[in-house]
N, C-alpha and C. Protein backbone atom coordinates (compact mmCIF):
# COMPACT_ATOMS: atom_id res chain seq x y z
N UNK A 1 30.18 -22.42 -54.62
CA UNK A 1 31.15 -21.47 -54.17
C UNK A 1 31.75 -20.71 -55.36
N UNK A 2 32.00 -21.44 -56.45
CA UNK A 2 32.57 -20.80 -57.63
C UNK A 2 31.59 -19.77 -58.19
N UNK A 3 30.31 -20.13 -58.24
CA UNK A 3 29.31 -19.21 -58.76
C UNK A 3 29.20 -17.96 -57.89
N UNK A 4 29.25 -18.13 -56.60
CA UNK A 4 29.19 -16.97 -55.70
C UNK A 4 30.41 -16.07 -55.86
N UNK A 5 31.58 -16.67 -56.03
CA UNK A 5 32.79 -15.88 -56.22
C UNK A 5 32.72 -15.09 -57.52
N UNK A 6 32.25 -15.73 -58.58
CA UNK A 6 32.13 -15.04 -59.87
C UNK A 6 31.09 -13.92 -59.79
N UNK A 7 29.97 -14.17 -59.10
CA UNK A 7 28.96 -13.12 -58.96
C UNK A 7 29.50 -11.94 -58.16
N UNK A 8 30.30 -12.23 -57.14
CA UNK A 8 30.91 -11.16 -56.35
C UNK A 8 31.87 -10.33 -57.20
N UNK A 9 32.63 -11.00 -58.06
CA UNK A 9 33.55 -10.27 -58.95
C UNK A 9 32.77 -9.38 -59.92
N UNK A 10 31.67 -9.89 -60.46
CA UNK A 10 30.84 -9.09 -61.36
C UNK A 10 30.23 -7.90 -60.62
N UNK A 11 29.80 -8.13 -59.39
CA UNK A 11 29.23 -7.05 -58.57
C UNK A 11 30.28 -5.97 -58.31
N UNK A 12 31.50 -6.39 -57.99
CA UNK A 12 32.58 -5.43 -57.74
C UNK A 12 32.89 -4.63 -58.99
N UNK A 13 32.95 -5.30 -60.13
CA UNK A 13 33.25 -4.60 -61.38
C UNK A 13 32.14 -3.63 -61.76
N UNK A 14 30.90 -4.01 -61.52
CA UNK A 14 29.77 -3.16 -61.89
C UNK A 14 29.64 -1.95 -60.97
N UNK A 15 30.07 -2.08 -59.73
CA UNK A 15 29.91 -1.01 -58.74
C UNK A 15 31.26 -0.52 -58.23
N UNK A 16 32.24 -0.39 -59.09
CA UNK A 16 33.60 -0.09 -58.65
C UNK A 16 33.74 1.31 -58.05
N UNK A 17 34.00 2.31 -58.84
CA UNK A 17 34.25 3.65 -58.31
C UNK A 17 33.41 4.66 -59.06
N UNK A 18 33.11 5.74 -58.38
CA UNK A 18 32.38 6.83 -59.01
C UNK A 18 33.36 7.64 -59.86
N UNK A 19 32.95 7.99 -61.04
CA UNK A 19 33.77 8.82 -61.91
C UNK A 19 33.18 10.22 -61.95
N UNK A 20 34.04 11.22 -62.10
CA UNK A 20 33.59 12.61 -62.13
C UNK A 20 32.76 12.84 -63.38
N UNK A 21 31.70 13.60 -63.23
CA UNK A 21 30.78 13.87 -64.33
C UNK A 21 31.46 14.72 -65.40
N UNK A 22 30.84 14.85 -66.58
CA UNK A 22 31.45 15.59 -67.67
C UNK A 22 31.95 16.97 -67.23
N UNK A 23 33.10 17.32 -67.73
CA UNK A 23 33.71 18.59 -67.39
C UNK A 23 35.20 18.52 -67.63
N UNK A 24 35.95 19.29 -66.86
CA UNK A 24 37.39 19.38 -67.08
C UNK A 24 38.12 18.06 -66.76
N UNK A 25 37.70 17.37 -65.69
CA UNK A 25 38.37 16.13 -65.29
C UNK A 25 37.46 14.92 -65.51
N UNK A 26 36.76 14.90 -66.60
CA UNK A 26 35.78 13.85 -66.90
C UNK A 26 36.44 12.46 -66.91
N UNK A 27 35.79 11.52 -66.26
CA UNK A 27 36.25 10.14 -66.26
C UNK A 27 37.30 9.78 -65.23
N UNK A 28 37.80 10.73 -64.48
CA UNK A 28 38.79 10.44 -63.44
C UNK A 28 38.07 9.99 -62.18
N UNK A 29 38.78 9.22 -61.36
CA UNK A 29 38.19 8.74 -60.11
C UNK A 29 37.94 9.91 -59.16
N UNK A 30 36.94 9.75 -58.31
CA UNK A 30 36.52 10.79 -57.38
C UNK A 30 37.01 10.40 -55.99
N UNK A 31 37.71 11.31 -55.31
CA UNK A 31 38.27 11.03 -53.99
C UNK A 31 37.82 12.07 -52.98
N UNK A 32 37.90 11.68 -51.69
CA UNK A 32 37.65 12.64 -50.62
C UNK A 32 38.89 12.67 -49.73
N UNK A 33 39.12 13.80 -49.10
CA UNK A 33 40.29 13.99 -48.25
C UNK A 33 39.89 13.75 -46.80
N UNK A 34 40.66 12.89 -46.09
CA UNK A 34 40.36 12.54 -44.69
C UNK A 34 41.62 12.69 -43.84
N UNK A 35 41.41 12.92 -42.55
CA UNK A 35 42.51 13.02 -41.59
C UNK A 35 42.24 12.03 -40.46
N UNK A 36 42.68 10.75 -40.61
CA UNK A 36 42.48 9.78 -39.55
C UNK A 36 43.31 10.11 -38.31
N UNK A 37 42.72 9.96 -37.15
CA UNK A 37 43.42 10.26 -35.90
C UNK A 37 44.52 9.25 -35.62
N UNK A 38 44.39 8.03 -36.14
CA UNK A 38 45.35 6.97 -35.83
C UNK A 38 46.74 7.28 -36.38
N UNK A 39 46.84 7.69 -37.64
CA UNK A 39 48.17 7.93 -38.20
C UNK A 39 48.50 9.41 -38.35
N UNK A 40 47.59 10.28 -38.03
CA UNK A 40 47.80 11.73 -37.98
C UNK A 40 48.43 12.30 -39.24
N UNK A 41 47.89 11.92 -40.39
CA UNK A 41 48.30 12.52 -41.66
C UNK A 41 47.14 12.46 -42.63
N UNK A 42 47.13 13.36 -43.58
CA UNK A 42 46.04 13.44 -44.54
C UNK A 42 46.16 12.32 -45.56
N UNK A 43 45.04 11.70 -45.86
CA UNK A 43 44.98 10.64 -46.88
C UNK A 43 43.76 10.88 -47.75
N UNK A 44 43.77 10.31 -48.95
CA UNK A 44 42.60 10.37 -49.81
C UNK A 44 41.97 9.00 -49.88
N UNK A 45 40.65 8.97 -49.90
CA UNK A 45 39.90 7.72 -50.00
C UNK A 45 38.97 7.82 -51.19
N UNK A 46 38.85 6.74 -51.97
CA UNK A 46 37.95 6.80 -53.13
C UNK A 46 36.50 6.86 -52.69
N UNK A 47 35.71 7.61 -53.43
CA UNK A 47 34.27 7.69 -53.18
C UNK A 47 33.59 6.74 -54.16
N UNK A 48 32.87 5.78 -53.62
CA UNK A 48 32.18 4.82 -54.46
C UNK A 48 30.80 5.34 -54.84
N UNK A 49 30.36 4.97 -56.03
CA UNK A 49 29.03 5.39 -56.45
C UNK A 49 27.99 4.52 -55.75
N UNK A 50 26.75 4.97 -55.78
CA UNK A 50 25.68 4.23 -55.14
C UNK A 50 25.53 2.86 -55.81
N UNK A 51 25.40 1.83 -55.01
CA UNK A 51 25.37 0.47 -55.51
C UNK A 51 24.13 0.21 -56.35
N UNK A 52 24.34 -0.48 -57.46
CA UNK A 52 23.25 -0.82 -58.37
C UNK A 52 23.26 -2.33 -58.60
N UNK A 53 22.08 -2.90 -58.69
CA UNK A 53 21.97 -4.33 -58.94
C UNK A 53 21.45 -4.62 -60.35
N UNK A 54 21.59 -3.66 -61.26
CA UNK A 54 21.11 -3.82 -62.63
C UNK A 54 21.83 -4.96 -63.34
N UNK A 55 23.10 -5.20 -63.00
CA UNK A 55 23.85 -6.24 -63.68
C UNK A 55 23.23 -7.62 -63.45
N UNK A 56 22.54 -7.81 -62.31
CA UNK A 56 21.93 -9.11 -62.03
C UNK A 56 20.81 -9.44 -63.01
N UNK A 57 19.94 -8.47 -63.30
CA UNK A 57 18.86 -8.75 -64.25
C UNK A 57 19.42 -8.99 -65.65
N UNK A 58 20.48 -8.27 -66.03
CA UNK A 58 21.12 -8.51 -67.32
C UNK A 58 21.74 -9.91 -67.36
N UNK A 59 22.38 -10.30 -66.28
CA UNK A 59 23.01 -11.62 -66.19
C UNK A 59 21.98 -12.73 -66.28
N UNK A 60 20.87 -12.58 -65.55
CA UNK A 60 19.82 -13.61 -65.56
C UNK A 60 19.21 -13.74 -66.95
N UNK A 61 18.97 -12.63 -67.63
CA UNK A 61 18.39 -12.70 -68.97
C UNK A 61 19.36 -13.36 -69.95
N UNK A 62 20.66 -13.11 -69.80
CA UNK A 62 21.64 -13.77 -70.68
C UNK A 62 21.72 -15.27 -70.41
N UNK A 63 21.64 -15.66 -69.14
CA UNK A 63 21.67 -17.08 -68.79
C UNK A 63 20.44 -17.79 -69.35
N UNK A 64 19.28 -17.17 -69.22
CA UNK A 64 18.04 -17.78 -69.73
C UNK A 64 18.10 -17.93 -71.24
N UNK A 65 18.61 -16.92 -71.94
CA UNK A 65 18.71 -17.04 -73.40
C UNK A 65 19.70 -18.12 -73.80
N UNK A 66 20.81 -18.28 -73.06
CA UNK A 66 21.76 -19.36 -73.37
C UNK A 66 21.14 -20.73 -73.17
N UNK A 67 20.37 -20.89 -72.09
CA UNK A 67 19.74 -22.17 -71.81
C UNK A 67 18.67 -22.48 -72.87
N UNK A 68 17.89 -21.49 -73.26
CA UNK A 68 16.87 -21.70 -74.29
C UNK A 68 17.47 -22.06 -75.63
N UNK A 69 18.64 -21.54 -75.94
CA UNK A 69 19.30 -21.84 -77.21
C UNK A 69 20.11 -23.14 -77.14
N UNK A 70 20.21 -23.72 -75.98
CA UNK A 70 20.97 -24.96 -75.82
C UNK A 70 22.46 -24.74 -75.68
N UNK A 71 22.87 -23.54 -75.29
CA UNK A 71 24.29 -23.21 -75.15
C UNK A 71 24.73 -23.22 -73.69
N UNK A 72 24.07 -24.00 -72.88
CA UNK A 72 24.41 -24.02 -71.45
C UNK A 72 25.80 -24.62 -71.26
N UNK A 73 26.54 -24.08 -70.32
CA UNK A 73 27.89 -24.56 -70.03
C UNK A 73 27.77 -25.81 -69.17
N UNK A 74 28.45 -26.91 -69.56
CA UNK A 74 28.37 -28.13 -68.74
C UNK A 74 29.08 -27.93 -67.40
N UNK A 75 28.65 -28.65 -66.40
CA UNK A 75 29.28 -28.59 -65.09
C UNK A 75 30.68 -29.16 -65.16
N UNK A 76 31.60 -28.58 -64.41
CA UNK A 76 32.97 -29.07 -64.39
C UNK A 76 33.05 -30.31 -63.51
N UNK A 77 33.86 -31.29 -63.91
CA UNK A 77 33.98 -32.49 -63.08
C UNK A 77 34.67 -32.16 -61.77
N UNK A 78 34.33 -32.91 -60.75
CA UNK A 78 34.91 -32.70 -59.42
C UNK A 78 36.38 -33.08 -59.45
N UNK A 79 37.24 -32.20 -58.95
CA UNK A 79 38.68 -32.45 -58.93
C UNK A 79 39.05 -32.99 -57.56
N UNK A 80 39.77 -34.11 -57.56
CA UNK A 80 40.19 -34.72 -56.30
C UNK A 80 41.51 -34.10 -55.88
N UNK A 81 41.52 -33.33 -54.83
CA UNK A 81 42.72 -32.67 -54.33
C UNK A 81 43.40 -33.53 -53.28
N UNK A 82 44.73 -33.43 -53.18
CA UNK A 82 45.40 -34.20 -52.14
C UNK A 82 45.01 -33.68 -50.76
N UNK A 83 45.08 -34.56 -49.77
CA UNK A 83 44.67 -34.19 -48.43
C UNK A 83 45.59 -33.15 -47.82
N UNK A 84 46.89 -33.24 -48.11
CA UNK A 84 47.86 -32.32 -47.55
C UNK A 84 48.83 -31.91 -48.65
N UNK A 85 49.18 -30.65 -48.72
CA UNK A 85 50.08 -30.18 -49.76
C UNK A 85 51.49 -29.90 -49.23
N UNK A 86 51.79 -30.34 -48.02
CA UNK A 86 53.11 -30.12 -47.42
C UNK A 86 54.17 -30.93 -48.16
N UNK A 87 55.39 -30.40 -48.25
CA UNK A 87 56.46 -31.09 -48.96
C UNK A 87 57.16 -32.13 -48.07
N UNK A 88 56.95 -32.08 -46.76
CA UNK A 88 57.55 -33.05 -45.84
C UNK A 88 56.46 -33.76 -45.05
N UNK A 89 56.81 -34.94 -44.56
CA UNK A 89 55.91 -35.70 -43.72
C UNK A 89 55.76 -34.99 -42.37
N UNK A 90 54.55 -34.93 -41.85
CA UNK A 90 54.30 -34.25 -40.58
C UNK A 90 54.90 -35.05 -39.43
N UNK A 91 55.54 -34.36 -38.45
CA UNK A 91 56.06 -35.07 -37.28
C UNK A 91 54.91 -35.42 -36.34
N UNK A 92 55.19 -36.31 -35.41
CA UNK A 92 54.17 -36.62 -34.43
C UNK A 92 54.01 -35.42 -33.50
N UNK A 93 52.89 -35.37 -32.82
CA UNK A 93 52.64 -34.24 -31.92
C UNK A 93 53.66 -34.21 -30.78
N UNK A 94 54.06 -35.37 -30.31
CA UNK A 94 55.04 -35.43 -29.22
C UNK A 94 56.39 -34.86 -29.67
N UNK A 95 56.84 -35.21 -30.89
CA UNK A 95 58.10 -34.69 -31.41
C UNK A 95 58.04 -33.18 -31.60
N UNK A 96 56.94 -32.69 -32.15
CA UNK A 96 56.79 -31.26 -32.38
C UNK A 96 56.77 -30.49 -31.07
N UNK A 97 56.10 -31.05 -30.05
CA UNK A 97 56.05 -30.41 -28.74
C UNK A 97 57.42 -30.37 -28.10
N UNK A 98 58.18 -31.44 -28.27
CA UNK A 98 59.52 -31.51 -27.67
C UNK A 98 60.47 -30.52 -28.35
N UNK A 99 60.34 -30.30 -29.64
CA UNK A 99 61.23 -29.40 -30.37
C UNK A 99 60.82 -27.94 -30.27
N UNK A 100 59.63 -27.69 -29.74
CA UNK A 100 59.13 -26.32 -29.64
C UNK A 100 59.89 -25.54 -28.59
N UNK A 101 60.37 -24.34 -28.98
CA UNK A 101 61.08 -23.47 -28.04
C UNK A 101 60.38 -22.13 -28.06
N UNK A 102 59.96 -21.70 -26.91
CA UNK A 102 59.33 -20.39 -26.79
C UNK A 102 60.38 -19.36 -26.46
N UNK A 103 60.24 -18.18 -26.96
CA UNK A 103 61.20 -17.13 -26.65
C UNK A 103 61.06 -16.64 -25.21
N UNK A 104 59.95 -17.00 -24.55
CA UNK A 104 59.72 -16.57 -23.18
C UNK A 104 60.27 -17.57 -22.17
N UNK A 105 60.36 -18.84 -22.53
CA UNK A 105 60.88 -19.87 -21.62
C UNK A 105 62.32 -20.18 -22.01
N UNK A 106 63.27 -19.62 -21.27
CA UNK A 106 64.68 -19.84 -21.62
C UNK A 106 65.35 -20.69 -20.62
């Protein structure tokens, strides 16, 4: 799961936003103007560039070179998390049901 999350972050960073080509506003983000019917006002939305997967081949080649050189990162030990992070002891279901008040049942 950690590896997938990190790969997703790298993918997002590599394919973030399209920048305007050289010219007067070079390097600024590129937006389009839209008028959604739901809120009935003009908004701008960023235009993303076409997705590229070039970062994956670069990443794989760097990982292979690290492994060949013996610089592989060791696996992290499994962390034992507590079963519940609540600050108070949970009530029984019967107590919770009895204390429950609905705003519709008065």
